[in-house]
C-alpha atoms as a PDB file:
ATOM      1  CA  UNK A   1      17.070  27.953  96.597  1.00  0.00           C
ATOM      2  CA  UNK A   2      15.044  29.960  94.662  1.00  0.00           C
ATOM      3  CA  UNK A   3      17.356  33.607  93.577  1.00  0.00           C
ATOM      4  CA  UNK A   4      14.841  37.051  93.709  1.00  0.00           C
ATOM      5  CA  UNK A   5      16.267  39.286  90.777  1.00  0.00           C
ATOM      6  CA  UNK A   6      15.174  42.685  91.922  1.00  0.00           C
ATOM      7  CA  UNK A   7      15.256  45.073  88.287  1.00  0.00           C
ATOM      8  CA  UNK A   8      16.669  48.430  89.330  1.00  0.00           C
ATOM      9  CA  UNK A   9      18.224  49.679  86.167  1.00  0.00           C
ATOM     10  CA  UNK A  10      15.126  51.853  84.157  1.00  0.00           C
ATOM     11  CA  UNK A  11      15.495  55.476  83.200  1.00  0.00           C
ATOM     12  CA  UNK A  12      11.612  55.968  84.086  1.00  0.00           C
ATOM     13  CA  UNK A  13      11.436  57.288  80.704  1.00  0.00           C
ATOM     14  CA  UNK A  14       7.230  56.758  80.796  1.00  0.00           C
ATOM     15  CA  UNK A  15       7.300  58.672  83.835  1.00  0.00           C
ATOM     16  CA  UNK A  16       8.491  62.161  82.259  1.00  0.00           C
ATOM     17  CA  UNK A  17      12.057  62.682  84.062  1.00  0.00           C
ATOM     18  CA  UNK A  18      11.872  61.484  87.648  1.00  0.00           C
ATOM     19  CA  UNK A  19      13.070  57.811  88.999  1.00  0.00           C
ATOM     20  CA  UNK A  20       9.857  56.668  89.601  1.00  0.00           C
ATOM     21  CA  UNK A  21      11.992  53.696  91.834  1.00  0.00           C
ATOM     22  CA  UNK A  22      12.843  56.662  94.473  1.00  0.00           C
ATOM     23  CA  UNK A  23       9.205  57.979  94.563  1.00  0.00           C
ATOM     24  CA  UNK A  24       7.665  58.222  98.185  1.00  0.00           C
ATOM     25  CA  UNK A  25       5.278  55.004  99.060  1.00  0.00           C
ATOM     26  CA  UNK A  26       4.375  54.946 102.510  1.00  0.00           C
ATOM     27  CA  UNK A  27       7.052  55.009 104.781  1.00  0.00           C
ATOM     28  CA  UNK A  28       9.717  53.991 102.416  1.00  0.00           C
ATOM     29  CA  UNK A  29      10.046  54.611  98.416  1.00  0.00           C
ATOM     30  CA  UNK A  30       8.792  52.040  95.818  1.00  0.00           C
ATOM     31  CA  UNK A  31      11.851  50.773  95.715  1.00  0.00           C
ATOM     32  CA  UNK A  32      12.583  50.239  99.213  1.00  0.00           C
ATOM     33  CA  UNK A  33       8.772  48.834  99.466  1.00  0.00           C
ATOM     34  CA  UNK A  34       8.768  46.546  96.651  1.00  0.00           C
ATOM     35  CA  UNK A  35      12.717  45.153  97.968  1.00  0.00           C
ATOM     36  CA  UNK A  36      11.046  44.559 101.904  1.00  0.00           C
ATOM     37  CA  UNK A  37       8.153  42.467 100.180  1.00  0.00           C
ATOM     38  CA  UNK A  38      10.267  40.403  98.223  1.00  0.00           C
ATOM     39  CA  UNK A  39      12.624  40.436 101.376  1.00  0.00           C
ATOM     40  CA  UNK A  40       9.963  38.626 103.276  1.00  0.00           C
ATOM     41  CA  UNK A  41       9.252  35.400 101.038  1.00  0.00           C
ATOM     42  CA  UNK A  42      10.907  32.141 101.093  1.00  0.00           C
ATOM     43  CA  UNK A  43      13.523  33.533  98.100  1.00  0.00           C
ATOM     44  CA  UNK A  44      17.205  32.319  99.217  1.00  0.00           C
ATOM     45  CA  UNK A  45      18.770  36.205  98.269  1.00  0.00           C
ATOM     46  CA  UNK A  46      17.776  39.066  96.737  1.00  0.00           C
ATOM     47  CA  UNK A  47      20.161  39.791  93.648  1.00  0.00           C
ATOM     48  CA  UNK A  48      19.348  43.547  92.489  1.00  0.00           C
ATOM     49  CA  UNK A  49      20.526  44.637  89.459  1.00  0.00           C
ATOM     50  CA  UNK A  50      21.391  48.684  88.908  1.00  0.00           C
ATOM     51  CA  UNK A  51      21.873  50.637  86.374  1.00  0.00           C
ATOM     52  CA  UNK A  52      20.306  54.145  86.040  1.00  0.00           C
ATOM     53  CA  UNK A  53      20.738  56.262  89.021  1.00  0.00           C
ATOM     54  CA  UNK A  54      23.244  53.798  90.102  1.00  0.00           C
ATOM     55  CA  UNK A  55      24.487  55.824  93.365  1.00  0.00           C
ATOM     56  CA  UNK A  56      20.816  56.629  94.235  1.00  0.00           C
ATOM     57  CA  UNK A  57      19.434  53.719  93.827  1.00  0.00           C
ATOM     58  CA  UNK A  58      22.086  51.608  95.407  1.00  0.00           C
ATOM     59  CA  UNK A  59      21.550  53.797  98.081  1.00  0.00           C
ATOM     60  CA  UNK A  60      18.006  53.181  99.097  1.00  0.00           C
ATOM     61  CA  UNK A  61      18.957  49.634  98.891  1.00  0.00           C
ATOM     62  CA  UNK A  62      21.450  49.590 101.222  1.00  0.00           C
ATOM     63  CA  UNK A  63      19.167  51.502 103.802  1.00  0.00           C
ATOM     64  CA  UNK A  64      17.068  48.421 104.014  1.00  0.00           C
ATOM     65  CA  UNK A  65      19.954  46.189 103.977  1.00  0.00           C
ATOM     66  CA  UNK A  66      20.301  45.495 107.638  1.00  0.00           C
ATOM     67  CA  UNK A  67      16.274  44.954 107.963  1.00  0.00           C
ATOM     68  CA  UNK A  68      16.452  42.489 105.336  1.00  0.00           C
ATOM     69  CA  UNK A  69      15.457  38.590 106.346  1.00  0.00           C
ATOM     70  CA  UNK A  70      17.850  37.305 103.824  1.00  0.00           C
ATOM     71  CA  UNK A  71      20.992  38.490 101.985  1.00  0.00           C
ATOM     72  CA  UNK A  72      20.579  41.268  99.460  1.00  0.00           C
ATOM     73  CA  UNK A  73      23.474  41.124  96.371  1.00  0.00           C
ATOM     74  CA  UNK A  74      24.253  44.286  94.087  1.00  0.00           C
ATOM     75  CA  UNK A  75      25.229  44.615  90.674  1.00  0.00           C
ATOM     76  CA  UNK A  76      25.660  47.042  88.184  1.00  0.00           C
ATOM     77  CA  UNK A  77      24.381  46.888  84.657  1.00  0.00           C
ATOM     78  CA  UNK A  78      26.422  49.382  82.312  1.00  0.00           C
ATOM     79  CA  UNK A  79      24.021  48.082  78.899  1.00  0.00           C
ATOM     80  CA  UNK A  80      20.838  49.512  80.615  1.00  0.00           C
ATOM     81  CA  UNK A  81      19.698  51.667  78.255  1.00  0.00           C
ATOM     82  CA  UNK A  82      19.455  48.536  75.854  1.00  0.00           C
ATOM     83  CA  UNK A  83      16.389  46.497  74.974  1.00  0.00           C
ATOM     84  CA  UNK A  84      13.764  46.486  77.353  1.00  0.00           C
ATOM     85  CA  UNK A  85      14.983  45.400  80.794  1.00  0.00           C
ATOM     86  CA  UNK A  86      16.506  42.188  78.518  1.00  0.00           C
ATOM     87  CA  UNK A  87      20.129  42.981  79.760  1.00  0.00           C
ATOM     88  CA  UNK A  88      19.267  43.376  83.043  1.00  0.00           C
ATOM     89  CA  UNK A  89      17.475  40.165  83.570  1.00  0.00           C
ATOM     90  CA  UNK A  90      20.748  39.148  81.954  1.00  0.00           C
ATOM     91  CA  UNK A  91      22.939  40.592  84.077  1.00  0.00           C
ATOM     92  CA  UNK A  92      21.275  39.003  86.702  1.00  0.00           C
ATOM     93  CA  UNK A  93      21.294  35.482  85.458  1.00  0.00           C
ATOM     94  CA  UNK A  94      24.891  36.085  84.886  1.00  0.00           C
ATOM     95  CA  UNK A  95      25.721  36.994  88.738  1.00  0.00           C
ATOM     96  CA  UNK A  96      23.033  34.074  90.106  1.00  0.00           C
ATOM     97  CA  UNK A  97      25.115  31.488  87.962  1.00  0.00           C
ATOM     98  CA  UNK A  98      28.418  32.919  89.444  1.00  0.00           C
ATOM     99  CA  UNK A  99      27.722  33.649  93.245  1.00  0.00           C
ATOM    100  CA  UNK A 100      24.582  31.056  93.883  1.00  0.00           C
ATOM    101  CA  UNK A 101      25.953  27.406  91.712  1.00  0.00           C
ATOM    102  CA  UNK A 102      23.287  25.597  93.845  1.00  0.00           C
ATOM    103  CA  UNK A 103      20.305  27.563  92.665  1.00  0.00           C
ATOM    104  CA  UNK A 104      17.623  26.046  91.396  1.00  0.00           C
ATOM    105  CA  UNK A 105      15.224  29.482  89.869  1.00  0.00           C
ATOM    106  CA  UNK A 106      15.262  32.521  89.343  1.00  0.00           C
ATOM    107  CA  UNK A 107      12.498  35.042  89.950  1.00  0.00           C
ATOM    108  CA  UNK A 108      12.167  37.954  87.895  1.00  0.00           C
ATOM    109  CA  UNK A 109      10.672  41.153  90.048  1.00  0.00           C
ATOM    110  CA  UNK A 110       9.891  44.956  89.481  1.00  0.00           C
ATOM    111  CA  UNK A 111      11.774  47.490  91.374  1.00  0.00           C
ATOM    112  CA  UNK A 112       8.592  49.420  90.918  1.00  0.00           C
ATOM    113  CA  UNK A 113       5.505  47.415  91.789  1.00  0.00           C
ATOM    114  CA  UNK A 114       5.416  48.322  95.318  1.00  0.00           C
ATOM    115  CA  UNK A 115       1.927  46.272  96.073  1.00  0.00           C
ATOM    116  CA  UNK A 116       3.483  42.847  94.846  1.00  0.00           C
ATOM    117  CA  UNK A 117       1.571  40.581  97.556  1.00  0.00           C
ATOM    118  CA  UNK A 118       3.777  38.251  99.824  1.00  0.00           C
ATOM    119  CA  UNK A 119       1.572  35.443  99.437  1.00  0.00           C
ATOM    120  CA  UNK A 120       2.025  35.353  95.117  1.00  0.00           C
ATOM    121  CA  UNK A 121       5.912  34.997  95.557  1.00  0.00           C
ATOM    122  CA  UNK A 122       5.734  32.097  98.124  1.00  0.00           C
ATOM    123  CA  UNK A 123       2.315  29.947  96.284  1.00  0.00           C
ATOM    124  CA  UNK A 124       4.740  30.318  93.063  1.00  0.00           C
ATOM    125  CA  UNK A 125       7.584  29.040  94.709  1.00  0.00           C
ATOM    126  CA  UNK A 126       5.730  25.664  96.364  1.00  0.00           C
ATOM    127  CA  UNK A 127       4.286  25.295  92.712  1.00  0.00           C
ATOM    128  CA  UNK A 128       7.838  24.976  91.608  1.00  0.00           C
ATOM    129  CA  UNK A 129       8.820  22.817  94.386  1.00  0.00           C
ATOM    130  CA  UNK A 130       5.968  20.271  93.860  1.00  0.00           C
ATOM    131  CA  UNK A 131       7.120  20.532  89.571  1.00  0.00           C
ATOM    132  CA  UNK A 132       4.525  22.791  88.019  1.00  0.00           C
ATOM    133  CA  UNK A 133       6.660  24.003  85.182  1.00  0.00           C
ATOM    134  CA  UNK A 134       9.747  25.444  84.608  1.00  0.00           C
ATOM    135  CA  UNK A 135       8.187  28.759  83.621  1.00  0.00           C
ATOM    136  CA  UNK A 136       5.842  30.196  85.811  1.00  0.00           C
ATOM    137  CA  UNK A 137       3.539  33.278  86.072  1.00  0.00           C
ATOM    138  CA  UNK A 138       1.077  35.252  88.278  1.00  0.00           C
ATOM    139  CA  UNK A 139      -2.132  35.779  86.098  1.00  0.00           C
ATOM    140  CA  UNK A 140      -4.829  38.165  87.697  1.00  0.00           C
ATOM    141  CA  UNK A 141      -8.189  38.290  85.329  1.00  0.00           C
ATOM    142  CA  UNK A 142      -6.298  36.719  82.553  1.00  0.00           C
ATOM    143  CA  UNK A 143      -3.714  39.066  82.885  1.00  0.00           C
ATOM    144  CA  UNK A 144      -0.019  37.864  83.564  1.00  0.00           C
ATOM    145  CA  UNK A 145       1.463  39.573  86.019  1.00  0.00           C
ATOM    146  CA  UNK A 146       4.781  39.690  87.819  1.00  0.00           C
ATOM    147  CA  UNK A 147       6.593  38.017  89.277  1.00  0.00           C
ATOM    148  CA  UNK A 148       7.805  35.363  86.291  1.00  0.00           C
ATOM    149  CA  UNK A 149       9.747  32.348  87.687  1.00  0.00           C
ATOM    150  CA  UNK A 150      12.451  30.956  85.438  1.00  0.00           C
ATOM    151  CA  UNK A 151      13.975  27.361  85.687  1.00  0.00           C
ATOM    152  CA  UNK A 152      17.533  26.916  85.258  1.00  0.00           C
ATOM    153  CA  UNK A 153      17.622  25.076  82.584  1.00  0.00           C
ATOM    154  CA  UNK A 154      16.289  27.980  80.178  1.00  0.00           C
ATOM    155  CA  UNK A 155      18.712  30.464  81.681  1.00  0.00           C
ATOM    156  CA  UNK A 156      21.125  29.306  78.298  1.00  0.00           C
ATOM    157  CA  UNK A 157      17.876  30.634  76.162  1.00  0.00           C
ATOM    158  CA  UNK A 158      17.740  34.052  78.214  1.00  0.00           C
ATOM    159  CA  UNK A 159      21.443  34.779  77.679  1.00  0.00           C
ATOM    160  CA  UNK A 160      21.100  34.553  74.183  1.00  0.00           C
ATOM    161  CA  UNK A 161      17.959  36.670  73.561  1.00  0.00           C
ATOM    162  CA  UNK A 162      19.043  39.879  71.523  1.00  0.00           C
ATOM    163  CA  UNK A 163      18.174  43.171  73.204  1.00  0.00           C
ATOM    164  CA  UNK A 164      14.924  43.427  70.823  1.00  0.00           C
ATOM    165  CA  UNK A 165      13.531  40.561  72.516  1.00  0.00           C
ATOM    166  CA  UNK A 166      12.467  39.923  76.693  1.00  0.00           C
ATOM    167  CA  UNK A 167      11.558  37.284  78.932  1.00  0.00           C
ATOM    168  CA  UNK A 168       7.913  37.119  77.545  1.00  0.00           C
ATOM    169  CA  UNK A 169       9.315  35.529  74.359  1.00  0.00           C
ATOM    170  CA  UNK A 170      10.901  32.467  76.287  1.00  0.00           C
ATOM    171  CA  UNK A 171       7.518  32.248  77.549  1.00  0.00           C
ATOM    172  CA  UNK A 172       5.727  32.087  74.233  1.00  0.00           C
ATOM    173  CA  UNK A 173       8.570  29.071  73.165  1.00  0.00           C
ATOM    174  CA  UNK A 174       7.974  26.921  75.719  1.00  0.00           C
ATOM    175  CA  UNK A 175       4.588  26.973  76.322  1.00  0.00           C
ATOM    176  CA  UNK A 176       4.511  23.214  76.744  1.00  0.00           C
ATOM    177  CA  UNK A 177       6.485  24.097  80.254  1.00  0.00           C
ATOM    178  CA  UNK A 178       4.504  27.238  81.368  1.00  0.00           C
ATOM    179  CA  UNK A 179       2.087  27.312  84.221  1.00  0.00           C
ATOM    180  CA  UNK A 180       0.232  30.059  85.470  1.00  0.00           C
ATOM    181  CA  UNK A 181      -0.861  30.636  89.212  1.00  0.00           C
ATOM    182  CA  UNK A 182      -4.682  32.739  88.713  1.00  0.00           C
ATOM    183  CA  UNK A 183      -4.133  34.917  91.836  1.00  0.00           C
ATOM    184  CA  UNK A 184      -7.372  37.462  93.295  1.00  0.00           C
ATOM    185  CA  UNK A 185      -5.324  40.067  93.473  1.00  0.00           C
ATOM    186  CA  UNK A 186      -4.384  43.291  90.941  1.00  0.00           C
ATOM    187  CA  UNK A 187      -0.986  43.808  92.278  1.00  0.00           C
ATOM    188  CA  UNK A 188       0.983  41.388  90.308  1.00  0.00           C
ATOM    189  CA  UNK A 189      -0.298  44.080  87.830  1.00  0.00           C
ATOM    190  CA  UNK A 190       0.446  47.204  89.178  1.00  0.00           C
ATOM    191  CA  UNK A 191       3.990  48.682  88.343  1.00  0.00           C
ATOM    192  CA  UNK A 192       4.296  52.498  88.270  1.00  0.00           C
ATOM    193  CA  UNK A 193       5.415  53.146  84.850  1.00  0.00           C
ATOM    194  CA  UNK A 194       3.645  56.421  85.118  1.00  0.00           C
ATOM    195  CA  UNK A 195       2.405  59.242  87.677  1.00  0.00           C
ATOM    196  CA  UNK A 196      -1.247  57.864  87.000  1.00  0.00           C
ATOM    197  CA  UNK A 197      -0.294  54.204  87.813  1.00  0.00           C
ATOM    198  CA  UNK A 198       1.673  55.608  90.696  1.00  0.00           C
ATOM    199  CA  UNK A 199      -1.276  57.408  91.902  1.00  0.00           C
ATOM    200  CA  UNK A 200      -3.408  54.592  91.654  1.00  0.00           C
ATOM    201  CA  UNK A 201      -0.673  52.598  93.538  1.00  0.00           C
ATOM    202  CA  UNK A 202      -0.336  54.797  96.539  1.00  0.00           C
ATOM    203  CA  UNK A 203      -4.811  55.051  96.655  1.00  0.00           C
ATOM    204  CA  UNK A 204      -4.731  51.330  96.637  1.00  0.00           C
ATOM    205  CA  UNK A 205      -2.055  50.883  99.695  1.00  0.00           C
ATOM    206  CA  UNK A 206      -4.358  53.486 101.068  1.00  0.00           C
ATOM    207  CA  UNK A 207      -1.143  56.046 100.883  1.00  0.00           C
ATOM    208  CA  UNK A 208      -2.349  59.848 101.536  1.00  0.00           C
ATOM    209  CA  UNK A 209      -1.596  61.556  97.948  1.00  0.00           C
ATOM    210  CA  UNK A 210      -0.555  65.114  98.158  1.00  0.00           C
END
């Protein structure tokens, strides 16, 4: 079983005040659209990690729960302000270890990636099952994107990361077991960290901007 870790705890510091996850996107929000894409894949369940404005974020997630084909579990990260997402990844991994002992790997997914292609996630899962590597990531024109798949043998290393490091440090330290899936879709790169990125993502999706 592969568990998706949906990171939805950040403060949106680069966005300028607004919580980017709660911004409208199509018929939903940035977070809701990201969740729907992940839930349509071959993951066994989604563990969403909340933090900043947790009640509002949780409300969005719960709105989508009845329509999801896979289970959604919520966990709150009280240390979401520490480090660059690493505390949320660690919180999610701990939750998976406790509640999904049969899990083989986690997929670290971004809550602000509404254009994530479903087929990319399924191809990462297939590559994992074919033994292509314990660490897997999609790549568009030489640039690594998300989600990143992490086999359970690397979870102890993830949990030992200090706040100053991140998952990419695990990838760099284990290049021998890192495989890239080259993708012809920039959706793996398009998170909405800034207002400019948000507008561009809406344009790519064909959403009329106001």
